[in-house]
Protein backbone atom coordinates (compact mmCIF):
# COMPACT_ATOMS: atom_id res chain seq x y z
CA MET A 1 140.39 -39.01 192.94
CA ASN A 2 141.83 -36.85 193.40
CA VAL A 3 144.05 -37.41 190.12
CA ARG A 4 144.70 -39.11 188.59
CA ILE A 5 144.07 -42.83 187.72
CA GLY A 6 146.73 -44.06 185.74
CA LEU A 7 149.27 -41.61 185.72
CA LEU A 8 151.46 -43.54 187.50
CA ALA A 9 150.75 -46.45 185.00
CA LEU A 10 152.61 -44.53 182.32
CA LEU A 11 155.74 -43.29 184.66
CA LEU A 12 158.67 -43.13 183.12
CA LEU A 13 157.81 -44.85 179.92
CA ALA A 14 157.76 -47.89 182.24
CA THR A 15 154.54 -50.03 181.02
CA PRO A 16 152.83 -50.52 178.06
CA ALA A 17 150.07 -48.62 179.05
CA LEU A 18 151.87 -45.22 177.62
CA ALA A 19 151.64 -46.13 173.80
CA GLN A 20 147.99 -47.01 174.41
CA GLY A 21 146.94 -43.41 176.16
CA PHE A 22 144.52 -43.36 178.89
CA ALA A 23 142.86 -46.88 177.95
CA GLY A 24 145.50 -49.10 178.66
CA LEU A 25 144.61 -48.77 182.06
CA GLY A 26 141.40 -51.13 181.23
CA SER A 27 144.40 -54.17 180.70
CA ASP A 28 144.66 -56.92 183.28
CA ALA A 29 146.02 -56.14 186.58
CA GLN A 30 149.13 -58.77 186.18
CA GLY A 31 149.18 -60.27 189.55
CA PHE A 32 148.55 -57.15 191.72
CA ALA A 33 145.95 -56.71 194.37
CA VAL A 34 142.55 -55.95 193.25
CA PRO A 35 140.58 -53.62 195.56
CA GLN A 36 137.12 -55.51 197.00
CA PRO A 37 134.26 -54.38 198.77
CA GLY A 38 134.17 -54.60 202.08
CA VAL A 39 137.95 -53.82 203.21
CA THR A 40 137.81 -51.71 206.46
CA LEU A 41 140.28 -48.99 206.00
CA ASN A 42 142.80 -48.69 208.94
CA PHE A 43 144.57 -45.32 209.93
CA PRO A 44 147.41 -44.46 210.38
CA GLN A 45 148.78 -47.82 208.40
CA ASP A 46 147.06 -46.98 205.56
CA HIS A 47 148.37 -43.31 205.29
CA GLY A 48 151.37 -44.91 203.89
CA ALA A 49 152.38 -47.30 201.04
CA HIS A 50 150.21 -50.34 199.38
CA PRO A 51 152.94 -52.06 197.16
CA GLN A 52 150.89 -54.48 196.64
CA TYR A 53 149.00 -52.46 193.89
CA ARG A 54 149.77 -50.84 190.56
CA ILE A 55 149.53 -47.40 191.00
CA GLU A 56 148.68 -45.10 194.25
CA TRP A 57 148.77 -41.38 195.09
CA TRP A 58 149.00 -38.75 197.99
CA TYR A 59 147.58 -35.57 196.27
CA ALA A 60 146.89 -32.01 197.64
CA THR A 61 145.24 -29.12 196.30
CA ALA A 62 145.14 -25.59 197.89
CA ASN A 63 142.34 -22.80 197.11
CA LEU A 64 144.32 -19.71 198.45
CA THR A 65 144.22 -16.05 199.18
CA GLY A 66 147.56 -13.55 199.20
CA ALA A 67 147.78 -10.50 201.68
CA ASP A 68 148.10 -9.06 198.22
CA GLY A 69 144.33 -9.99 197.35
CA GLN A 70 144.50 -12.11 195.00
CA ASP A 71 144.01 -16.06 194.51
CA TYR A 72 145.92 -18.74 193.82
CA GLY A 73 145.70 -22.18 193.10
CA VAL A 74 148.43 -24.88 194.68
CA GLN A 75 149.06 -28.57 193.73
CA TRP A 76 151.30 -30.95 195.61
CA THR A 77 151.35 -35.11 194.03
CA LEU A 78 153.40 -37.56 194.92
CA PHE A 79 152.45 -40.53 192.23
CA ARG A 80 153.69 -44.50 192.98
CA SER A 81 154.16 -46.75 190.30
CA ALA A 82 155.06 -50.61 190.44
CA LEU A 83 156.95 -52.37 187.77
CA ALA A 84 155.61 -55.86 190.11
CA PRO A 85 153.64 -56.10 193.24
CA GLY A 86 155.79 -55.81 196.51
CA GLU A 87 158.91 -54.25 197.40
CA LYS A 88 162.81 -55.01 197.14
CA PRO A 89 165.41 -53.28 198.69
CA GLY A 90 167.83 -50.85 197.22
CA TRP A 91 168.07 -50.76 193.22
CA GLN A 92 166.20 -54.12 193.16
CA SER A 93 162.70 -51.95 194.59
CA PRO A 94 160.00 -52.56 191.66
CA GLN A 95 158.77 -48.86 193.25
CA LEU A 96 159.12 -46.03 190.85
CA TRP A 97 158.06 -42.63 192.20
CA MET A 98 157.08 -39.34 190.03
CA GLY A 99 155.78 -36.01 191.68
CA HIS A 100 154.03 -32.92 190.10
CA ALA A 101 154.05 -29.17 191.50
CA ALA A 102 152.43 -26.64 190.69
CA LEU A 103 151.23 -22.80 191.54
CA THR A 104 148.49 -21.06 189.44
CA THR A 105 147.44 -17.36 189.16
CA ALA A 106 145.07 -15.70 187.23
CA ALA A 107 147.94 -14.44 184.84
CA GLU A 108 150.09 -17.54 185.09
CA HIS A 109 150.89 -21.28 185.67
CA HIS A 110 153.92 -22.93 186.81
CA SER A 111 154.11 -26.38 186.96
CA ALA A 112 157.19 -28.89 187.95
CA GLU A 113 158.04 -32.76 187.79
CA ARG A 114 160.43 -35.01 190.01
CA VAL A 115 160.95 -38.50 189.22
CA GLY A 116 162.83 -40.78 191.44
CA ARG A 117 163.35 -44.57 192.66
CA GLY A 118 162.23 -46.38 195.48
CA GLY A 119 164.59 -48.07 197.41
CA ILE A 120 167.01 -45.91 197.47
CA GLY A 121 166.10 -43.19 200.10
CA GLN A 122 165.22 -40.80 196.91
CA ALA A 123 161.67 -40.68 197.41
CA GLY A 124 158.84 -42.80 199.19
CA VAL A 125 156.30 -42.61 202.68
CA SER A 126 157.12 -43.50 205.73
CA LEU A 127 154.64 -43.71 208.95
CA SER A 128 156.58 -43.00 211.87
CA PRO A 129 156.57 -39.65 211.99
CA PHE A 130 154.64 -39.87 208.71
CA ALA A 131 155.94 -38.27 205.50
CA ALA A 132 155.88 -38.75 201.84
CA THR A 133 158.94 -37.25 199.90
CA ILE A 134 160.48 -37.20 196.46
CA ASP A 135 164.04 -35.04 196.44
CA ASP A 136 163.59 -32.03 198.60
CA TRP A 137 160.02 -31.78 197.98
CA SER A 138 158.02 -32.63 201.28
CA MET A 139 154.75 -33.77 202.81
CA THR A 140 155.35 -33.95 206.53
CA SER A 141 153.19 -34.45 209.67
CA ARG A 142 152.99 -31.78 212.50
CA ALA A 143 150.50 -33.81 214.81
CA ALA A 144 150.33 -33.75 217.81
CA ALA A 145 151.01 -37.13 219.38
CA GLY A 146 148.14 -39.53 219.54
CA ALA A 147 146.60 -37.44 216.55
CA ASP A 148 145.89 -38.56 213.00
CA PRO A 149 149.59 -38.42 211.60
CA LEU A 150 147.42 -36.11 208.75
CA SER A 151 145.48 -33.65 211.42
CA ALA A 152 148.60 -31.20 210.41
CA VAL A 153 151.00 -31.61 207.97
CA THR A 154 153.48 -29.31 205.63
CA ILE A 155 154.21 -29.44 202.17
CA ALA A 156 156.59 -27.76 200.19
CA ALA A 157 157.83 -28.08 197.00
CA SER A 158 159.39 -25.64 194.08
CA GLY A 159 159.96 -25.20 190.53
CA LYS A 160 161.11 -22.72 187.88
CA GLY A 161 159.73 -19.43 188.91
CA PHE A 162 157.72 -20.86 191.61
CA SER A 163 157.93 -22.32 195.63
CA TYR A 164 155.75 -23.04 198.06
CA ARG A 165 155.45 -23.91 202.05
CA LEU A 166 152.20 -24.43 203.28
CA ASP A 167 150.62 -25.91 206.72
CA LEU A 168 147.42 -27.81 206.78
CA ASP A 169 145.41 -27.92 209.38
CA ALA A 170 142.26 -30.53 210.01
CA ARG A 171 139.17 -29.07 210.92
CA GLY A 172 137.19 -32.26 210.49
CA PRO A 173 137.35 -35.88 209.75
CA LEU A 174 139.10 -38.17 207.27
CA VAL A 175 136.01 -39.14 204.51
CA LEU A 176 136.24 -42.33 202.87
CA GLN A 177 134.79 -42.15 199.34
CA GLY A 178 132.32 -44.92 197.66
CA ASP A 179 131.08 -47.59 200.11
CA LYS A 180 133.49 -47.12 203.32
CA GLY A 181 136.50 -46.23 200.77
CA TYR A 182 135.41 -49.05 197.98
CA SER A 183 134.98 -46.33 195.28
CA VAL A 184 133.42 -48.10 192.04
CA LYS A 185 135.37 -46.25 188.49
CA SER A 186 132.80 -48.15 185.69
CA ALA A 187 129.73 -50.22 185.46
CA GLN A 188 131.95 -52.85 184.62
CA GLY A 189 133.33 -52.74 188.54
CA GLN A 190 136.65 -51.24 188.04
CA ALA A 191 137.42 -49.84 191.39
CA SER A 192 140.13 -47.85 193.86
CA GLU A 193 140.68 -47.65 197.80
CA TYR A 194 139.81 -43.87 197.86
CA TYR A 195 139.72 -41.79 200.95
CA SER A 196 140.46 -37.60 201.27
CA GLN A 197 140.91 -35.26 204.00
CA PRO A 198 138.91 -32.05 202.39
CA PHE A 199 138.74 -29.63 205.63
CA TYR A 200 142.30 -28.32 205.71
CA MET A 201 142.73 -24.74 206.60
CA VAL A 202 146.17 -23.64 205.43
CA THR A 203 148.52 -20.60 206.05
CA GLY A 204 152.00 -20.47 204.86
CA THR A 205 153.63 -18.90 202.34
CA ILE A 206 154.31 -18.77 198.46
CA HIS A 207 157.46 -17.37 196.50
CA THR A 208 156.66 -16.26 192.57
CA GLY A 209 159.14 -14.21 190.79
CA ASP A 210 160.85 -12.41 193.35
CA THR A 211 158.15 -11.81 195.86
CA ASP A 212 156.86 -13.55 198.68
CA VAL A 213 153.12 -13.94 199.53
CA ALA A 214 151.52 -14.53 202.69
CA VAL A 215 148.53 -17.15 201.56
CA THR A 216 145.28 -18.28 203.75
CA GLY A 217 142.77 -20.89 202.74
CA GLN A 218 141.66 -24.35 202.20
CA ALA A 219 143.03 -27.43 200.89
CA TRP A 220 141.52 -30.83 199.94
CA PHE A 221 143.87 -33.87 199.99
CA ASP A 222 143.43 -37.70 198.46
CA HIS A 223 144.60 -40.67 199.04
CA GLU A 224 143.88 -43.52 196.35
CA TRP A 225 145.35 -46.87 195.05
CA SER A 226 144.01 -49.73 192.63
CA SER A 227 145.56 -51.79 190.07
CA GLN A 228 142.92 -51.72 187.19
CA PRO A 229 141.25 -48.75 187.71
CA LEU A 230 139.61 -48.11 184.14
CA ALA A 231 137.60 -49.94 182.25
CA ALA A 232 138.56 -50.82 178.53
CA ASP A 233 136.76 -48.42 176.62
CA GLN A 234 137.48 -45.00 179.02
CA THR A 235 139.87 -43.00 178.07
CA GLY A 236 140.09 -40.10 180.65
CA TRP A 237 138.17 -38.11 183.45
CA ASP A 238 137.38 -35.14 184.81
CA TRP A 239 137.28 -35.09 188.72
CA PHE A 240 135.86 -31.87 190.76
CA SER A 241 136.44 -30.93 194.66
CA PHE A 242 134.51 -28.18 195.74
CA HIS A 243 134.26 -26.26 199.08
CA PHE A 244 131.38 -24.73 199.28
CA GLU A 245 130.73 -20.80 201.53
CA ASP A 246 128.22 -22.71 203.51
CA GLY A 247 130.79 -25.32 204.44
CA GLN A 248 129.50 -28.12 202.55
CA LYS A 249 131.87 -30.00 199.82
CA LEU A 250 131.87 -31.86 197.16
CA MET A 251 133.65 -34.78 195.57
CA GLY A 252 132.48 -35.70 191.94
CA PHE A 253 133.91 -37.36 188.63
CA ARG A 254 132.74 -38.58 185.48
CA LEU A 255 135.00 -41.15 183.44
CA ARG A 256 134.95 -40.68 180.17
CA ASP A 257 133.86 -43.51 177.47
CA SER A 258 131.97 -43.99 174.21
CA GLY A 259 128.66 -42.50 175.54
CA ALA A 260 127.59 -40.86 178.49
CA GLY A 261 130.14 -41.62 180.70
CA PHE A 262 130.43 -42.68 184.16
CA THR A 263 129.67 -40.75 187.34
CA SER A 264 130.08 -40.58 191.32
CA ALA A 265 129.79 -38.22 193.87
CA THR A 266 130.04 -37.68 197.83
CA TRP A 267 128.28 -35.17 198.89
CA ILE A 268 129.96 -33.90 202.57
CA LYS A 269 128.46 -31.88 205.32
CA ALA A 270 130.30 -29.06 207.19
CA ASP A 271 130.18 -31.97 210.23
CA GLY A 272 131.74 -34.02 207.99
CA THR A 273 129.18 -36.66 207.86
CA SER A 274 129.66 -37.92 204.01
CA GLU A 275 126.80 -39.52 201.81
CA ALA A 276 127.95 -41.22 198.83
CA LEU A 277 125.47 -40.61 195.70
CA ALA A 278 124.78 -43.35 193.24
CA PRO A 279 126.64 -43.62 189.92
CA GLY A 280 124.58 -41.38 187.72
CA ASP A 281 122.87 -39.05 189.86
CA LEU A 282 126.06 -36.04 189.27
CA SER A 283 125.55 -34.85 185.58
CA VAL A 284 128.72 -33.07 184.26
CA THR A 285 128.16 -30.62 181.14
CA PRO A 286 131.05 -28.64 179.42
CA LEU A 287 130.00 -25.17 179.17
CA ALA A 288 132.94 -23.67 177.26
CA TRP A 289 135.65 -24.81 175.58
CA GLY A 290 139.30 -23.58 174.91
CA GLU A 291 142.71 -24.50 173.31
CA VAL A 292 145.26 -24.72 175.57
CA LYS A 293 148.92 -26.10 174.62
CA GLY A 294 147.40 -27.91 171.59
CA HIS A 295 144.65 -29.39 173.20
CA ARG A 296 141.19 -28.61 173.43
CA VAL A 297 139.51 -28.73 176.51
CA PRO A 298 136.48 -27.79 178.66
CA VAL A 299 136.99 -24.60 180.90
CA LYS A 300 133.53 -24.02 182.30
CA TRP A 301 131.26 -26.61 183.58
CA ARG A 302 127.82 -27.18 184.69
CA LEU A 303 127.11 -29.72 187.42
CA THR A 304 123.70 -30.48 189.08
CA LEU A 305 122.73 -32.70 191.81
CA PRO A 306 118.98 -32.84 191.85
CA ALA A 307 119.04 -35.16 195.21
CA LYS A 308 120.77 -31.77 197.31
CA HIS A 309 119.28 -29.18 194.88
CA LEU A 310 122.88 -28.25 193.52
CA ASP A 311 122.88 -26.51 190.19
CA VAL A 312 126.45 -24.76 189.72
CA THR A 313 128.97 -23.48 187.56
CA THR A 314 132.82 -23.15 187.26
CA SER A 315 134.83 -20.98 185.87
CA ALA A 316 138.48 -21.46 185.83
CA LEU A 317 140.89 -18.80 187.82
CA ASN A 318 143.61 -19.52 184.60
CA ASP A 319 142.07 -21.31 181.46
CA GLU A 320 145.99 -21.86 180.57
CA ALA A 321 146.48 -24.21 183.73
CA TRP A 322 148.17 -27.00 181.71
CA MET A 323 150.07 -29.67 183.60
CA ASP A 324 153.31 -29.84 181.16
CA THR A 325 154.50 -32.88 182.52
CA GLN A 326 155.69 -36.31 180.95
CA VAL A 327 152.10 -37.41 181.51
CA ALA A 328 150.02 -33.95 180.44
CA TYR A 329 147.05 -33.13 181.69
CA TRP A 330 144.74 -29.78 183.13
CA GLU A 331 144.49 -29.34 186.60
CA GLY A 332 143.46 -25.70 188.17
CA PRO A 333 141.62 -23.63 190.69
CA VAL A 334 137.96 -22.73 189.73
CA ARG A 335 135.24 -20.05 190.92
CA ILE A 336 131.64 -22.11 191.73
CA THR A 337 128.57 -19.48 191.25
CA GLY A 338 125.04 -20.97 190.93
CA SER A 339 122.73 -22.50 193.90
CA HIS A 340 125.91 -22.88 195.71
CA ARG A 341 128.94 -20.69 195.81
CA GLY A 342 132.25 -21.61 196.31
CA ARG A 343 135.90 -22.56 195.21
CA GLY A 344 137.64 -25.65 194.20
CA TYR A 345 139.44 -27.65 191.90
CA VAL A 346 138.86 -29.28 188.83
CA GLU A 347 141.35 -31.76 186.67
CA MET A 348 141.22 -33.22 183.23
CA THR A 349 142.75 -36.18 181.90
CA GLY A 350 142.93 -37.81 178.08
CA TYR A 351 142.44 -34.72 176.19
């Protein structure tokens, strides 16, 4: 949810939500468009930006194994936040952009951040061909003519102590989250437009320290946009994307509030068929906590989904996977054991 609700609304100290924390995202949409049920997503157009909405992100995470036998995790994200609806040329553009990149190993976690303005060529998303960029970080299409632009992409980024260049090739269809892309986030009805490409197979190279390592693995991509994604009493979220060994997949999240929280999940079969589960069907329970950069965060989870006979436990590859960025949060690769085995990613905000 793949991230990230609200990180953009806090970008560059540009909105009053920064002082309010994540709960500030329950404020009025302030003239921006609001997601509506029954709207049909249209591709490839909806791979692009939606400047009439306040916040948006293009988000990729990858679980990788190196030629050295070690496990790695990679994150690549481009966020857009609007000061006002719509677009204007040059420095008049109200669109602000932020990029996050990370490389995680069992021993280290590297993160980096870029910020930029729209309208001046520094950052943005184009469709012909598809490219999402900020400075020299990029997600670019390699798709054949006539194919979905996201069926084959390359992501590249670098930061202090790391870099990567990865080719992602889809082996299954796009998945519309929620009700045909309309993803509800609270009992009060806050929502986003949200779809995923969870079927990427990955090849490429990562660089850490003085070493280049060839890697292979799986990746998950999310694209989401909204204007008012949190209810007033929601303070953060826990998001999960799982690749199971039998080819099935799970996206789930919990938005935390003063009570039990709001949970949602999508079950994805190996053939790409997806099923949106009812709110509350997914149960999410922290099993162990850690102290990370002065924040107390869960580092081990139990997730149960009785409708799919799911009862699994996650363990972080690296408990210290803290994104030390302007809006800080935890995001990192996990191993999955229990009724289903596999690998995935967890993101936690508001701790």
